[in-house]
Amino acid sequence: MIRAAIFDMDGVIIDSVNIHLKAAKRAFANQGIKLTKEEMKFISARNPSDFNKFLSKKYKYDTERFILDHRKYYFKDYQKARFYARTKRLIYHLKRLKVPIAMDTSSTDRMVHDVEKRMPLGKIFNAIVTFNDCSKRKPQPDSYLMAAKRLKVNPKDCLVFEDSEIGVEAAKRAKMKCVAMPNKYTLDQDFSKADIIVQPDQKLGWRKLKEFFER
């Protein structure tokens, strides 16, 4: 039985993946580094503090300088990022139905605060889990388990909306149902672990989703 919904933020609620990738590309270029296509795919759903742990083993660069440069470029364009209309409609629909909803994001508290200026997240979501709340992040299940705990709902009764391969993996490790919502930046990722895949041009209806998972 689906009793609650949990949404990723970047790439699901707000169209910001490309902003993140462009910022990373510029910040790496400042230090003479050009990432491969696979490396860009690897960083697409990860916070710089996480992917730097891996890339700094391959490339020699100043990680602190990278984070400062990435943050500067990212924040400059983030306010221009648009909300995904179908996700926004679904979230407000769930709110009207009084379905408990949470947001689980690898972004920091500051980024969530910036989004709140345009969308009153605190008044919409019953729980929010950010980068600052959990030391073990996606693909580990910890943040999703924390979201379920804050919603006071059994993880198996939660339906997750994710746009990335590692996000789907985290949801499934948490024993949750998962809807993969690839965007144009994550279309070629492996979503085979998702329960259902909703393409960018498909509608997102709560009734049909519930029917799919409860039939």
Protein backbone atom coordinates (compact mmCIF):
# COMPACT_ATOMS: atom_id res chain seq x y z
CA MET A 1 0.00 0.00 0.00
CA ILE A 2 1.41 3.39 -1.00
CA ARG A 3 0.96 5.78 1.91
CA ALA A 4 3.59 8.48 1.25
CA ALA A 5 5.66 10.04 -1.53
CA ILE A 6 9.28 11.15 -1.47
CA PHE A 7 10.78 13.41 -4.16
CA ASP A 8 14.36 14.07 -5.13
CA MET A 9 14.87 17.80 -5.78
CA ASP A 10 17.44 18.45 -8.51
CA GLY A 11 16.34 16.89 -11.77
CA VAL A 12 12.88 15.95 -10.45
CA ILE A 13 11.40 19.10 -8.89
CA ILE A 14 13.75 21.65 -10.40
CA ASP A 15 15.62 21.57 -13.71
CA SER A 16 19.11 22.15 -12.34
CA VAL A 17 21.21 19.16 -13.43
CA ASN A 18 22.65 20.99 -16.42
CA ILE A 19 23.54 23.97 -14.23
CA HIS A 20 25.42 21.63 -11.89
CA LEU A 21 27.28 19.96 -14.78
CA LYS A 22 28.21 23.24 -16.44
CA ALA A 23 29.50 24.62 -13.14
CA ALA A 24 31.59 21.49 -12.56
CA LYS A 25 32.94 21.56 -16.12
CA ARG A 26 34.05 25.19 -15.74
CA ALA A 27 35.53 24.61 -12.28
CA PHE A 28 37.55 21.63 -13.52
CA ALA A 29 38.66 23.52 -16.63
CA ASN A 30 40.08 26.23 -14.35
CA GLN A 31 42.57 23.59 -13.21
CA GLY A 32 43.24 22.10 -16.63
CA ILE A 33 40.99 19.07 -16.27
CA LYS A 34 38.52 17.80 -18.86
CA LEU A 35 36.22 15.05 -17.62
CA THR A 36 35.15 12.13 -19.79
CA LYS A 37 31.50 11.49 -20.66
CA GLU A 38 31.39 8.69 -18.07
CA GLU A 39 32.85 10.96 -15.40
CA MET A 40 30.26 13.64 -16.17
CA LYS A 41 27.59 10.96 -15.81
CA PHE A 42 29.15 9.94 -12.48
CA ILE A 43 28.99 13.44 -11.01
CA SER A 44 25.52 14.32 -12.36
CA ALA A 45 23.62 13.29 -9.21
CA ARG A 46 26.38 13.74 -6.65
CA ASN A 47 27.42 16.61 -4.42
CA PRO A 48 30.97 17.93 -5.08
CA SER A 49 32.04 16.89 -1.58
CA ASP A 50 31.19 13.31 -2.56
CA PHE A 51 32.53 13.03 -6.11
CA ASN A 52 35.77 14.85 -5.24
CA LYS A 53 36.67 11.90 -2.98
CA PHE A 54 36.83 9.70 -6.08
CA LEU A 55 38.08 12.07 -8.77
CA SER A 56 40.91 13.47 -6.63
CA LYS A 57 42.43 9.97 -6.69
CA LYS A 58 42.67 10.15 -10.48
CA TYR A 59 43.40 13.84 -11.05
CA LYS A 60 45.66 16.19 -9.13
CA TYR A 61 43.73 19.35 -8.35
CA ASP A 62 42.91 21.70 -5.50
CA THR A 63 39.56 20.38 -4.22
CA GLU A 64 38.90 23.42 -2.05
CA ARG A 65 39.41 25.75 -5.00
CA PHE A 66 37.18 23.49 -7.11
CA ILE A 67 34.35 23.64 -4.55
CA LEU A 68 34.59 27.44 -4.33
CA ASP A 69 34.57 27.80 -8.13
CA HIS A 70 31.73 25.31 -8.58
CA ARG A 71 29.68 27.04 -5.90
CA LYS A 72 30.23 30.45 -7.52
CA TYR A 73 29.14 29.29 -10.97
CA TYR A 74 26.30 27.16 -9.64
CA PHE A 75 24.73 29.81 -7.43
CA LYS A 76 24.97 32.38 -10.23
CA ASP A 77 22.66 30.38 -12.50
CA TYR A 78 20.59 28.41 -9.99
CA GLN A 79 17.94 31.09 -9.59
CA LYS A 80 17.23 30.77 -13.31
CA ALA A 81 16.40 27.07 -13.03
CA ARG A 82 12.75 26.31 -13.76
CA PHE A 83 10.43 23.95 -11.92
CA TYR A 84 9.22 20.87 -13.75
CA ALA A 85 5.53 21.61 -14.31
CA ARG A 86 4.30 18.01 -14.09
CA THR A 87 6.13 17.39 -10.83
CA LYS A 88 4.88 20.62 -9.31
CA ARG A 89 1.30 19.74 -10.27
CA LEU A 90 1.66 16.28 -8.72
CA ILE A 91 3.11 17.67 -5.48
CA TYR A 92 0.27 20.17 -5.05
CA HIS A 93 -2.24 17.42 -5.91
CA LEU A 94 -0.78 15.20 -3.18
CA LYS A 95 -0.94 18.10 -0.76
CA ARG A 96 -4.66 18.52 -1.46
CA LEU A 97 -5.17 14.79 -0.91
CA LYS A 98 -3.29 15.07 2.41
CA VAL A 99 -0.77 12.43 1.32
CA PRO A 100 2.42 12.74 3.46
CA ILE A 101 5.25 13.95 1.23
CA ALA A 102 8.96 14.45 1.77
CA MET A 103 11.92 15.75 -0.19
CA ASP A 104 15.27 13.96 -0.13
CA THR A 105 18.10 15.87 -1.78
CA SER A 106 21.88 15.73 -2.01
CA SER A 107 21.88 19.52 -2.13
CA THR A 108 22.82 21.58 0.91
CA ASP A 109 20.54 23.48 3.26
CA ARG A 110 21.53 26.68 1.46
CA MET A 111 20.33 25.36 -1.91
CA VAL A 112 17.04 24.22 -0.38
CA HIS A 113 16.65 27.67 1.17
CA ASP A 114 17.16 29.27 -2.27
CA VAL A 115 14.45 27.05 -3.76
CA GLU A 116 12.13 27.94 -0.87
CA LYS A 117 12.24 31.57 -1.99
CA ARG A 118 10.31 30.53 -5.08
CA MET A 119 8.37 27.52 -3.78
CA PRO A 120 7.32 27.33 -0.10
CA LEU A 121 8.86 23.91 0.56
CA GLY A 122 8.40 24.05 4.32
CA LYS A 123 4.67 24.57 3.87
CA ILE A 124 4.40 21.83 1.25
CA PHE A 125 6.61 18.99 2.46
CA ASN A 126 6.01 17.19 5.73
CA ALA A 127 9.73 16.38 5.91
CA ILE A 128 12.92 17.49 4.17
CA VAL A 129 16.25 15.63 4.20
CA THR A 130 19.32 17.44 2.80
CA PHE A 131 23.05 16.88 2.33
CA ASN A 132 23.59 18.30 5.81
CA ASP A 133 21.33 15.76 7.53
CA CYS A 134 22.95 12.49 6.51
CA SER A 135 26.62 11.45 6.32
CA LYS A 136 25.88 8.43 4.08
CA ARG A 137 24.31 9.61 0.85
CA LYS A 138 22.91 8.05 -2.30
CA PRO A 139 23.32 5.30 -3.47
CA GLN A 140 23.23 4.38 0.23
CA PRO A 141 19.63 4.17 1.53
CA ASP A 142 20.17 6.20 4.71
CA SER A 143 18.62 9.48 3.57
CA TYR A 144 15.49 7.76 2.29
CA LEU A 145 15.14 5.79 5.51
CA MET A 146 15.49 9.07 7.40
CA ALA A 147 12.76 10.64 5.27
CA ALA A 148 10.41 7.71 5.98
CA LYS A 149 11.16 7.96 9.69
CA ARG A 150 10.38 11.68 9.71
CA LEU A 151 7.13 10.98 7.86
CA LYS A 152 6.37 8.20 10.38
CA VAL A 153 5.68 5.81 7.51
CA ASN A 154 7.05 2.31 6.89
CA PRO A 155 9.68 2.46 4.09
CA LYS A 156 7.87 -0.25 2.12
CA ASP A 157 4.83 2.07 1.95
CA CYS A 158 6.79 4.93 0.34
CA LEU A 159 6.91 5.80 -3.34
CA VAL A 160 10.06 7.59 -4.48
CA PHE A 161 10.49 9.84 -7.53
CA GLU A 162 14.07 9.91 -8.85
CA ASP A 163 15.90 11.05 -11.96
CA SER A 164 19.24 9.29 -11.47
CA GLU A 165 20.58 5.76 -11.38
CA ILE A 166 22.11 6.17 -7.93
CA GLY A 167 18.90 7.71 -6.61
CA VAL A 168 16.89 4.72 -7.82
CA GLU A 169 19.42 2.37 -6.24
CA ALA A 170 19.16 4.21 -2.92
CA ALA A 171 15.37 3.97 -2.96
CA LYS A 172 15.40 0.26 -3.73
CA ARG A 173 18.01 -0.41 -1.02
CA ALA A 174 15.58 1.28 1.36
CA LYS A 175 12.94 -1.28 0.23
CA MET A 176 10.80 1.47 -1.30
CA LYS A 177 8.89 1.56 -4.57
CA CYS A 178 10.49 3.84 -7.11
CA VAL A 179 9.41 5.81 -10.17
CA ALA A 180 12.34 6.75 -12.42
CA MET A 181 11.85 10.13 -14.07
CA PRO A 182 14.85 10.55 -16.37
CA ASN A 183 15.44 14.00 -17.79
CA LYS A 184 17.42 14.88 -20.90
CA TYR A 185 20.65 14.77 -18.91
CA THR A 186 20.08 11.34 -17.36
CA LEU A 187 18.23 9.48 -20.14
CA ASP A 188 21.14 7.12 -20.84
CA GLN A 189 21.52 5.98 -17.23
CA ASP A 190 20.53 2.49 -16.09
CA PHE A 191 17.04 2.55 -14.58
CA SER A 192 16.48 -1.21 -14.67
CA LYS A 193 16.03 -1.34 -10.88
CA ALA A 194 13.12 1.11 -10.97
CA ASP A 195 9.58 -0.25 -10.67
CA ILE A 196 8.39 2.01 -13.47
CA ILE A 197 10.00 4.54 -15.81
CA VAL A 198 8.13 7.71 -16.75
CA GLN A 199 9.65 9.40 -19.79
CA PRO A 200 10.03 13.22 -19.98
CA ASP A 201 7.04 13.56 -22.33
CA GLN A 202 4.69 11.34 -20.29
CA LYS A 203 2.05 12.58 -17.87
CA LEU A 204 2.43 11.90 -14.17
CA GLY A 205 -0.91 10.99 -12.58
CA TRP A 206 -1.19 9.90 -8.95
CA ARG A 207 -4.27 7.73 -9.53
CA LYS A 208 -2.61 5.75 -12.33
CA LEU A 209 0.58 5.36 -10.32
CA LYS A 210 -1.31 4.03 -7.30
CA GLU A 211 -3.24 1.64 -9.52
CA PHE A 212 0.03 0.35 -10.98
CA PHE A 213 1.61 -0.32 -7.60
CA GLU A 214 -1.50 -1.67 -5.87
CA ARG A 215 -2.97 -3.90 -8.56
